[in-house]
Amino acid sequence: MSILIVTGMEGARNCADVVSAQLCMEVEAAEGRKMALAALRRHEFAVVVVDETLANCDPAAADAIWERAGLAIPLQINFAVSGAARLIREIRAALRRRDREQALARRAATAAIEAELKTTVSGLLLHSQLALAGTDIPATVAERLRRVADLAGSLRAQLSIPEPGGGESMS
């Protein structure tokens, strides 16, 4: 992934080169809205940095850039008072925040899927056991239910799910 810096200030290319060297990422500099939008159409960026002066002077341009930025981290920096060192710190911090947020989202998704799976397996095991407890079940159906119960029991053990009803298995 790469970084897009949008500013009309002189020396933007030099700043982009310093940021690129420090972060080991490709950095593209755009001198205004048209160049920024063209760059955003060409490919995706990890971070889009817009000069605060440009954003204040032309809010519509800034809005167009943010809308087109997609999943890029938006940063607004005042290049007139900030040097490359601060820009690098801000970009690093934003990338670390995104990594933490993605890790948390993955853990939350994993926990949700695991909880859903545990609920499904527990329900399957309980229903199989209840059906096997019935007396009017043909032998072929009972055998299939035992297989389902055994499979559900195996999954339950792998997922560390407590026995349904907290009791002994009926199979």
N, C-alpha and C. Protein backbone atom coordinates (compact mmCIF):
# COMPACT_ATOMS: atom_id res chain seq x y z
N MET A 1 0.84 -1.18 0.00
CA MET A 1 0.00 0.00 0.00
C MET A 1 0.88 1.24 0.00
N SER A 2 0.29 2.34 -0.38
CA SER A 2 1.06 3.56 -0.48
C SER A 2 0.31 4.71 0.18
N ILE A 3 0.97 5.86 0.18
CA ILE A 3 0.45 7.06 0.84
C ILE A 3 0.27 8.14 -0.20
N LEU A 4 -0.79 8.92 -0.08
CA LEU A 4 -1.02 10.06 -0.96
C LEU A 4 -0.97 11.32 -0.10
N ILE A 5 -0.12 12.26 -0.50
CA ILE A 5 -0.02 13.55 0.17
C ILE A 5 -0.58 14.60 -0.78
N VAL A 6 -1.58 15.34 -0.30
CA VAL A 6 -2.22 16.36 -1.13
C VAL A 6 -1.92 17.73 -0.52
N THR A 7 -1.11 18.52 -1.22
CA THR A 7 -0.76 19.85 -0.76
C THR A 7 -0.29 20.68 -1.94
N GLY A 8 -0.51 21.99 -1.85
CA GLY A 8 -0.04 22.89 -2.88
C GLY A 8 1.28 23.55 -2.52
N MET A 9 1.84 23.18 -1.36
CA MET A 9 3.08 23.81 -0.91
C MET A 9 4.27 23.35 -1.73
N GLU A 10 5.23 24.28 -1.88
CA GLU A 10 6.48 23.91 -2.54
C GLU A 10 7.22 22.91 -1.66
N GLY A 11 7.95 22.04 -2.27
CA GLY A 11 8.72 21.06 -1.52
C GLY A 11 7.94 19.82 -1.13
N ALA A 12 6.73 19.69 -1.65
CA ALA A 12 5.90 18.52 -1.32
C ALA A 12 6.58 17.24 -1.77
N ARG A 13 7.22 17.27 -2.93
CA ARG A 13 7.89 16.08 -3.43
C ARG A 13 9.04 15.68 -2.52
N ASN A 14 9.80 16.68 -2.01
CA ASN A 14 10.89 16.39 -1.07
C ASN A 14 10.34 15.77 0.21
N CYS A 15 9.25 16.32 0.71
CA CYS A 15 8.61 15.78 1.91
C CYS A 15 8.16 14.34 1.66
N ALA A 16 7.57 14.11 0.49
CA ALA A 16 7.11 12.76 0.14
C ALA A 16 8.28 11.78 0.09
N ASP A 17 9.43 12.24 -0.42
CA ASP A 17 10.61 11.37 -0.48
C ASP A 17 11.11 11.01 0.92
N VAL A 18 11.11 11.99 1.83
CA VAL A 18 11.53 11.74 3.21
C VAL A 18 10.59 10.75 3.89
N VAL A 19 9.29 10.96 3.73
CA VAL A 19 8.29 10.06 4.32
C VAL A 19 8.45 8.66 3.75
N SER A 20 8.65 8.57 2.46
CA SER A 20 8.83 7.27 1.80
C SER A 20 10.04 6.53 2.36
N ALA A 21 11.14 7.24 2.52
CA ALA A 21 12.36 6.62 3.05
C ALA A 21 12.18 6.16 4.50
N GLN A 22 11.50 6.95 5.31
CA GLN A 22 11.32 6.62 6.73
C GLN A 22 10.32 5.48 6.95
N LEU A 23 9.27 5.46 6.16
CA LEU A 23 8.21 4.47 6.37
C LEU A 23 8.33 3.26 5.45
N CYS A 24 9.27 3.31 4.51
CA CYS A 24 9.45 2.22 3.55
C CYS A 24 8.14 1.93 2.79
N MET A 25 7.48 2.99 2.41
CA MET A 25 6.25 2.89 1.64
C MET A 25 6.35 3.85 0.47
N GLU A 26 5.63 3.52 -0.61
CA GLU A 26 5.58 4.43 -1.75
C GLU A 26 4.71 5.62 -1.36
N VAL A 27 5.20 6.82 -1.67
CA VAL A 27 4.45 8.04 -1.36
C VAL A 27 4.29 8.84 -2.64
N GLU A 28 3.04 9.22 -2.91
CA GLU A 28 2.75 10.03 -4.09
C GLU A 28 2.30 11.41 -3.61
N ALA A 29 2.78 12.45 -4.28
CA ALA A 29 2.39 13.82 -3.93
C ALA A 29 1.48 14.35 -5.03
N ALA A 30 0.36 14.95 -4.61
CA ALA A 30 -0.58 15.58 -5.54
C ALA A 30 -0.67 17.05 -5.16
N GLU A 31 -0.64 17.92 -6.17
CA GLU A 31 -0.62 19.36 -5.89
C GLU A 31 -1.99 19.98 -5.75
N GLY A 32 -3.03 19.24 -5.92
CA GLY A 32 -4.37 19.81 -5.76
C GLY A 32 -5.43 18.74 -5.92
N ARG A 33 -6.66 19.23 -5.95
CA ARG A 33 -7.81 18.32 -6.00
C ARG A 33 -7.79 17.43 -7.24
N LYS A 34 -7.57 18.03 -8.42
CA LYS A 34 -7.61 17.25 -9.65
C LYS A 34 -6.57 16.14 -9.66
N MET A 35 -5.35 16.48 -9.26
CA MET A 35 -4.29 15.46 -9.23
C MET A 35 -4.59 14.39 -8.18
N ALA A 36 -5.14 14.81 -7.04
CA ALA A 36 -5.47 13.86 -5.97
C ALA A 36 -6.56 12.89 -6.42
N LEU A 37 -7.61 13.43 -7.04
CA LEU A 37 -8.70 12.57 -7.51
C LEU A 37 -8.24 11.62 -8.60
N ALA A 38 -7.35 12.09 -9.47
CA ALA A 38 -6.80 11.22 -10.51
C ALA A 38 -5.99 10.09 -9.88
N ALA A 39 -5.18 10.42 -8.88
CA ALA A 39 -4.39 9.40 -8.19
C ALA A 39 -5.29 8.39 -7.49
N LEU A 40 -6.36 8.88 -6.86
CA LEU A 40 -7.29 7.99 -6.16
C LEU A 40 -8.06 7.09 -7.13
N ARG A 41 -8.26 7.56 -8.37
CA ARG A 41 -8.91 6.70 -9.37
C ARG A 41 -7.96 5.60 -9.85
N ARG A 42 -6.67 5.90 -9.88
CA ARG A 42 -5.68 4.93 -10.37
C ARG A 42 -5.50 3.75 -9.43
N HIS A 43 -5.39 4.02 -8.14
CA HIS A 43 -5.25 2.92 -7.19
C HIS A 43 -5.60 3.35 -5.78
N GLU A 44 -5.64 2.36 -4.87
CA GLU A 44 -5.99 2.60 -3.48
C GLU A 44 -4.77 2.98 -2.68
N PHE A 45 -4.99 3.76 -1.62
CA PHE A 45 -3.91 4.18 -0.73
C PHE A 45 -4.23 3.72 0.68
N ALA A 46 -3.18 3.51 1.47
CA ALA A 46 -3.37 3.17 2.87
C ALA A 46 -3.71 4.42 3.67
N VAL A 47 -3.08 5.54 3.30
CA VAL A 47 -3.26 6.81 4.00
C VAL A 47 -3.39 7.91 2.97
N VAL A 48 -4.31 8.84 3.21
CA VAL A 48 -4.43 10.05 2.39
C VAL A 48 -4.25 11.23 3.33
N VAL A 49 -3.21 12.02 3.09
CA VAL A 49 -2.90 13.19 3.91
C VAL A 49 -3.25 14.43 3.11
N VAL A 50 -4.13 15.25 3.66
CA VAL A 50 -4.53 16.49 2.99
C VAL A 50 -4.04 17.66 3.81
N ASP A 51 -3.42 18.62 3.14
CA ASP A 51 -2.95 19.84 3.79
C ASP A 51 -4.16 20.60 4.33
N GLU A 52 -4.09 20.97 5.60
CA GLU A 52 -5.18 21.67 6.25
C GLU A 52 -5.52 22.99 5.54
N THR A 53 -4.51 23.65 5.02
CA THR A 53 -4.73 24.91 4.31
C THR A 53 -5.60 24.67 3.08
N LEU A 54 -5.31 23.62 2.33
CA LEU A 54 -6.10 23.29 1.15
C LEU A 54 -7.53 22.95 1.56
N ALA A 55 -7.69 22.19 2.64
CA ALA A 55 -9.02 21.80 3.11
C ALA A 55 -9.82 23.01 3.57
N ASN A 56 -9.16 23.99 4.20
CA ASN A 56 -9.87 25.19 4.67
C ASN A 56 -10.23 26.12 3.52
N CYS A 57 -9.34 26.22 2.52
CA CYS A 57 -9.58 27.11 1.38
C CYS A 57 -10.61 26.54 0.42
N ASP A 58 -10.66 25.23 0.29
CA ASP A 58 -11.57 24.59 -0.67
C ASP A 58 -12.20 23.36 -0.03
N PRO A 59 -13.19 23.57 0.88
CA PRO A 59 -13.81 22.44 1.56
C PRO A 59 -14.45 21.43 0.61
N ALA A 60 -14.97 21.90 -0.51
CA ALA A 60 -15.60 20.98 -1.47
C ALA A 60 -14.55 20.02 -2.05
N ALA A 61 -13.36 20.55 -2.30
CA ALA A 61 -12.28 19.70 -2.82
C ALA A 61 -11.89 18.66 -1.78
N ALA A 62 -11.76 19.09 -0.53
CA ALA A 62 -11.41 18.15 0.55
C ALA A 62 -12.48 17.07 0.68
N ASP A 63 -13.75 17.47 0.62
CA ASP A 63 -14.85 16.49 0.71
C ASP A 63 -14.78 15.49 -0.44
N ALA A 64 -14.50 15.98 -1.64
CA ALA A 64 -14.39 15.08 -2.81
C ALA A 64 -13.24 14.09 -2.63
N ILE A 65 -12.14 14.56 -2.08
CA ILE A 65 -10.98 13.68 -1.84
C ILE A 65 -11.34 12.63 -0.79
N TRP A 66 -11.98 13.06 0.31
CA TRP A 66 -12.33 12.10 1.37
C TRP A 66 -13.33 11.06 0.87
N GLU A 67 -14.29 11.49 0.04
CA GLU A 67 -15.28 10.56 -0.50
C GLU A 67 -14.62 9.51 -1.39
N ARG A 68 -13.63 9.92 -2.17
CA ARG A 68 -12.96 9.03 -3.11
C ARG A 68 -11.88 8.18 -2.44
N ALA A 69 -11.50 8.52 -1.21
CA ALA A 69 -10.38 7.87 -0.52
C ALA A 69 -10.65 6.40 -0.17
N GLY A 70 -11.90 5.98 -0.17
CA GLY A 70 -12.21 4.58 0.13
C GLY A 70 -11.83 4.20 1.56
N LEU A 71 -11.05 3.13 1.71
CA LEU A 71 -10.65 2.63 3.02
C LEU A 71 -9.37 3.28 3.55
N ALA A 72 -8.84 4.24 2.83
CA ALA A 72 -7.61 4.91 3.27
C ALA A 72 -7.86 5.65 4.57
N ILE A 73 -6.83 5.71 5.39
CA ILE A 73 -6.91 6.48 6.63
C ILE A 73 -6.81 7.96 6.26
N PRO A 74 -7.80 8.77 6.62
CA PRO A 74 -7.73 10.20 6.30
C PRO A 74 -6.96 10.97 7.37
N LEU A 75 -6.00 11.77 6.95
CA LEU A 75 -5.26 12.64 7.87
C LEU A 75 -5.28 14.05 7.31
N GLN A 76 -5.47 15.01 8.20
CA GLN A 76 -5.42 16.41 7.80
C GLN A 76 -4.33 17.07 8.63
N ILE A 77 -3.30 17.58 7.98
CA ILE A 77 -2.12 18.15 8.64
C ILE A 77 -1.87 19.55 8.10
N ASN A 78 -1.46 20.44 8.97
CA ASN A 78 -1.08 21.78 8.54
C ASN A 78 0.40 21.75 8.17
N PHE A 79 0.68 21.71 6.88
CA PHE A 79 2.05 21.62 6.40
C PHE A 79 2.86 22.89 6.69
N ALA A 80 2.16 24.01 6.89
CA ALA A 80 2.86 25.27 7.15
C ALA A 80 3.57 25.25 8.51
N VAL A 81 3.04 24.50 9.46
CA VAL A 81 3.64 24.46 10.80
C VAL A 81 4.19 23.09 11.17
N SER A 82 3.96 22.11 10.35
CA SER A 82 4.41 20.74 10.64
C SER A 82 5.50 20.34 9.67
N GLY A 83 6.50 19.68 10.19
CA GLY A 83 7.56 19.18 9.33
C GLY A 83 7.34 17.72 8.99
N ALA A 84 8.29 17.18 8.26
CA ALA A 84 8.20 15.78 7.85
C ALA A 84 8.21 14.84 9.05
N ALA A 85 8.95 15.20 10.11
CA ALA A 85 9.03 14.34 11.29
C ALA A 85 7.65 14.16 11.92
N ARG A 86 6.89 15.26 12.04
CA ARG A 86 5.55 15.16 12.62
C ARG A 86 4.63 14.37 11.71
N LEU A 87 4.75 14.61 10.41
CA LEU A 87 3.92 13.89 9.45
C LEU A 87 4.17 12.38 9.56
N ILE A 88 5.43 12.01 9.67
CA ILE A 88 5.79 10.59 9.81
C ILE A 88 5.20 10.01 11.09
N ARG A 89 5.30 10.76 12.20
CA ARG A 89 4.72 10.28 13.47
C ARG A 89 3.21 10.09 13.35
N GLU A 90 2.54 11.04 12.72
CA GLU A 90 1.08 10.96 12.56
C GLU A 90 0.69 9.77 11.70
N ILE A 91 1.42 9.55 10.63
CA ILE A 91 1.11 8.41 9.74
C ILE A 91 1.35 7.10 10.46
N ARG A 92 2.48 6.99 11.16
CA ARG A 92 2.77 5.75 11.93
C ARG A 92 1.68 5.48 12.95
N ALA A 93 1.28 6.52 13.68
CA ALA A 93 0.24 6.36 14.70
C ALA A 93 -1.07 5.93 14.06
N ALA A 94 -1.43 6.51 12.94
CA ALA A 94 -2.67 6.14 12.25
C ALA A 94 -2.62 4.69 11.77
N LEU A 95 -1.49 4.27 11.23
CA LEU A 95 -1.35 2.89 10.76
C LEU A 95 -1.41 1.91 11.93
N ARG A 96 -0.79 2.26 13.06
CA ARG A 96 -0.87 1.39 14.24
C ARG A 96 -2.30 1.30 14.76
N ARG A 97 -3.02 2.44 14.77
CA ARG A 97 -4.43 2.43 15.20
C ARG A 97 -5.25 1.52 14.31
N ARG A 98 -5.04 1.62 13.00
CA ARG A 98 -5.79 0.78 12.07
C ARG A 98 -5.47 -0.69 12.30
N ASP A 99 -4.21 -1.03 12.52
CA ASP A 99 -3.84 -2.42 12.79
C ASP A 99 -4.51 -2.93 14.06
N ARG A 100 -4.53 -2.11 15.11
CA ARG A 100 -5.19 -2.51 16.36
C ARG A 100 -6.69 -2.70 16.14
N GLU A 101 -7.31 -1.79 15.43
CA GLU A 101 -8.74 -1.89 15.17
C GLU A 101 -9.08 -3.12 14.34
N GLN A 102 -8.24 -3.42 13.36
CA GLN A 102 -8.47 -4.61 12.55
C GLN A 102 -8.31 -5.88 13.37
N ALA A 103 -7.31 -5.91 14.25
CA ALA A 103 -7.10 -7.08 15.12
C ALA A 103 -8.30 -7.26 16.04
N LEU A 104 -8.78 -6.16 16.61
CA LEU A 104 -9.96 -6.25 17.49
C LEU A 104 -11.19 -6.71 16.71
N ALA A 105 -11.36 -6.22 15.50
CA ALA A 105 -12.50 -6.63 14.68
C ALA A 105 -12.42 -8.12 14.34
N ARG A 106 -11.20 -8.60 14.02
CA ARG A 106 -11.03 -10.03 13.74
C ARG A 106 -11.36 -10.87 14.96
N ARG A 107 -10.89 -10.43 16.14
CA ARG A 107 -11.19 -11.19 17.36
C ARG A 107 -12.69 -11.20 17.65
N ALA A 108 -13.34 -10.06 17.46
CA ALA A 108 -14.78 -9.99 17.70
C ALA A 108 -15.54 -10.89 16.72
N ALA A 109 -15.13 -10.89 15.46
CA ALA A 109 -15.79 -11.75 14.46
C ALA A 109 -15.56 -13.22 14.80
N THR A 110 -14.35 -13.56 15.20
CA THR A 110 -14.04 -14.94 15.58
C THR A 110 -14.88 -15.37 16.77
N ALA A 111 -14.99 -14.51 17.77
CA ALA A 111 -15.80 -14.83 18.96
C ALA A 111 -17.27 -15.00 18.59
N ALA A 112 -17.76 -14.14 17.71
CA ALA A 112 -19.17 -14.25 17.30
C ALA A 112 -19.43 -15.54 16.54
N ILE A 113 -18.52 -15.90 15.64
CA ILE A 113 -18.68 -17.15 14.88
C ILE A 113 -18.58 -18.35 15.80
N GLU A 114 -17.63 -18.29 16.74
CA GLU A 114 -17.46 -19.40 17.68
C GLU A 114 -18.70 -19.55 18.56
N ALA A 115 -19.26 -18.45 19.02
CA ALA A 115 -20.47 -18.51 19.85
C ALA A 115 -21.63 -19.09 19.06
N GLU A 116 -21.78 -18.67 17.81
CA GLU A 116 -22.85 -19.20 16.95
C GLU A 116 -22.66 -20.69 16.71
N LEU A 117 -21.43 -21.10 16.48
CA LEU A 117 -21.14 -22.51 16.25
C LEU A 117 -21.42 -23.33 17.51
N LYS A 118 -21.03 -22.79 18.66
CA LYS A 118 -21.28 -23.50 19.92
C LYS A 118 -22.78 -23.67 20.14
N THR A 119 -23.56 -22.63 19.85
CA THR A 119 -25.01 -22.70 20.02
C THR A 119 -25.60 -23.75 19.08
N THR A 120 -25.13 -23.75 17.84
CA THR A 120 -25.64 -24.70 16.85
C THR A 120 -25.28 -26.14 17.25
N VAL A 121 -24.04 -26.37 17.65
CA VAL A 121 -23.61 -27.71 18.03
C VAL A 121 -24.35 -28.17 19.27
N SER A 122 -24.50 -27.28 20.25
CA SER A 122 -25.24 -27.66 21.47
C SER A 122 -26.68 -28.03 21.14
N GLY A 123 -27.31 -27.23 20.28
CA GLY A 123 -28.69 -27.53 19.89
C GLY A 123 -28.79 -28.85 19.15
N LEU A 124 -27.86 -29.11 18.26
CA LEU A 124 -27.84 -30.36 17.50
C LEU A 124 -27.67 -31.55 18.44
N LEU A 125 -26.75 -31.42 19.38
CA LEU A 125 -26.50 -32.50 20.33
C LEU A 125 -27.73 -32.74 21.21
N LEU A 126 -28.31 -31.69 21.71
CA LEU A 126 -29.48 -31.82 22.59
C LEU A 126 -30.66 -32.45 21.84
N HIS A 127 -30.92 -31.97 20.62
CA HIS A 127 -32.04 -32.52 19.85
C HIS A 127 -31.80 -33.99 19.49
N SER A 128 -30.58 -34.33 19.16
CA SER A 128 -30.26 -35.73 18.85
C SER A 128 -30.47 -36.61 20.07
N GLN A 129 -30.02 -36.14 21.22
CA GLN A 129 -30.17 -36.92 22.45
C GLN A 129 -31.64 -37.07 22.83
N LEU A 130 -32.40 -35.99 22.68
CA LEU A 130 -33.83 -36.08 22.99
C LEU A 130 -34.55 -37.03 22.05
N ALA A 131 -34.19 -36.99 20.77
CA ALA A 131 -34.82 -37.89 19.80
C ALA A 131 -34.46 -39.33 20.11
N LEU A 132 -33.22 -39.58 20.51
CA LEU A 132 -32.80 -40.95 20.84
C LEU A 132 -33.49 -41.47 22.10
N ALA A 133 -33.91 -40.56 22.96
CA ALA A 133 -34.59 -40.98 24.19
C ALA A 133 -36.01 -41.48 23.90
N GLY A 134 -36.54 -41.14 22.73
CA GLY A 134 -37.88 -41.60 22.34
C GLY A 134 -37.88 -43.10 22.09
N THR A 135 -39.04 -43.74 22.25
CA THR A 135 -39.12 -45.19 22.11
C THR A 135 -39.62 -45.64 20.74
N ASP A 136 -40.25 -44.78 19.99
CA ASP A 136 -40.85 -45.16 18.71
C ASP A 136 -39.97 -44.80 17.52
N ILE A 137 -38.68 -44.95 17.64
CA ILE A 137 -37.77 -44.57 16.56
C ILE A 137 -37.31 -45.83 15.82
N PRO A 138 -37.46 -45.82 14.49
CA PRO A 138 -36.95 -46.97 13.73
C PRO A 138 -35.44 -47.11 13.91
N ALA A 139 -34.93 -48.32 13.79
CA ALA A 139 -33.51 -48.60 14.04
C ALA A 139 -32.59 -47.78 13.11
N THR A 140 -32.96 -47.64 11.84
CA THR A 140 -32.10 -46.89 10.92
C THR A 140 -32.03 -45.42 11.31
N VAL A 141 -33.14 -44.86 11.74
CA VAL A 141 -33.16 -43.45 12.17
C VAL A 141 -32.34 -43.30 13.45
N ALA A 142 -32.51 -44.25 14.37
CA ALA A 142 -31.76 -44.20 15.63
C ALA A 142 -30.26 -44.27 15.37
N GLU A 143 -29.84 -45.12 14.42
CA GLU A 143 -28.41 -45.22 14.10
C GLU A 143 -27.88 -43.90 13.54
N ARG A 144 -28.66 -43.29 12.67
CA ARG A 144 -28.22 -41.99 12.11
C ARG A 144 -28.18 -40.92 13.19
N LEU A 145 -29.14 -40.93 14.08
CA LEU A 145 -29.14 -39.95 15.18
C LEU A 145 -27.93 -40.17 16.09
N ARG A 146 -27.57 -41.41 16.32
CA ARG A 146 -26.38 -41.69 17.14
C ARG A 146 -25.12 -41.14 16.47
N ARG A 147 -25.04 -41.29 15.14
CA ARG A 147 -23.89 -40.74 14.41
C ARG A 147 -23.85 -39.22 14.53
N VAL A 148 -25.02 -38.59 14.38
CA VAL A 148 -25.09 -37.13 14.52
C VAL A 148 -24.70 -36.73 15.94
N ALA A 149 -25.21 -37.45 16.93
CA ALA A 149 -24.89 -37.15 18.33
C ALA A 149 -23.40 -37.34 18.59
N ASP A 150 -22.83 -38.40 18.01
CA ASP A 150 -21.39 -38.63 18.20
C ASP A 150 -20.57 -37.50 17.56
N LEU A 151 -20.96 -37.10 16.36
CA LEU A 151 -20.27 -36.01 15.68
C LEU A 151 -20.41 -34.71 16.48
N ALA A 152 -21.62 -34.42 16.94
CA ALA A 152 -21.85 -33.22 17.73
C ALA A 152 -21.07 -33.28 19.04
N GLY A 153 -21.02 -34.45 19.64
CA GLY A 153 -20.24 -34.62 20.87
C GLY A 153 -18.76 -34.39 20.64
N SER A 154 -18.26 -34.87 19.51
CA SER A 154 -16.86 -34.63 19.16
C SER A 154 -16.58 -33.14 18.97
N LEU A 155 -17.47 -32.47 18.24
CA LEU A 155 -17.32 -31.03 18.05
C LEU A 155 -17.42 -30.28 19.37
N ARG A 156 -18.35 -30.72 20.23
CA ARG A 156 -18.52 -30.10 21.54
C ARG A 156 -17.23 -30.18 22.34
N ALA A 157 -16.59 -31.34 22.29
CA ALA A 157 -15.34 -31.51 23.03
C ALA A 157 -14.24 -30.62 22.45
N GLN A 158 -14.17 -30.54 21.12
CA GLN A 158 -13.14 -29.70 20.48
C GLN A 158 -13.35 -28.22 20.78
N LEU A 159 -14.60 -27.80 20.90
CA LEU A 159 -14.92 -26.40 21.15
C LEU A 159 -15.08 -26.09 22.64
N SER A 160 -14.87 -27.09 23.49
CA SER A 160 -15.02 -26.93 24.95
C SER A 160 -16.40 -26.42 25.32
N ILE A 161 -17.41 -27.04 24.77
CA ILE A 161 -18.78 -26.67 25.08
C ILE A 161 -19.27 -27.60 26.17
N PRO A 162 -19.87 -27.06 27.24
CA PRO A 162 -20.40 -27.94 28.30
C PRO A 162 -21.55 -28.79 27.76
N GLU A 163 -21.76 -29.91 28.42
CA GLU A 163 -22.86 -30.81 28.04
C GLU A 163 -24.18 -30.05 28.11
N PRO A 164 -25.09 -30.31 27.15
CA PRO A 164 -26.41 -29.67 27.21
C PRO A 164 -27.11 -30.07 28.49
N GLY A 165 -27.67 -29.10 29.17
CA GLY A 165 -28.38 -29.39 30.40
C GLY A 165 -27.44 -29.70 31.56
N GLY A 166 -26.14 -29.67 31.33
CA GLY A 166 -25.16 -29.90 32.38
C GLY A 166 -25.09 -31.33 32.86
N GLY A 167 -25.72 -32.24 32.17
CA GLY A 167 -25.76 -33.62 32.64
C GLY A 167 -24.96 -34.55 31.78
N GLU A 168 -25.21 -35.84 31.95
CA GLU A 168 -24.52 -36.88 31.21
C GLU A 168 -25.08 -36.98 29.80
N SER A 169 -24.27 -37.47 28.89
CA SER A 169 -24.68 -37.69 27.52
C SER A 169 -25.65 -38.84 27.47
N MET A 170 -26.67 -38.77 26.60
CA MET A 170 -27.67 -39.82 26.49
C MET A 170 -27.31 -40.84 25.45
N SER A 171 -26.25 -40.65 24.69
CA SER A 171 -25.93 -41.59 23.61
C SER A 171 -25.15 -42.75 24.08
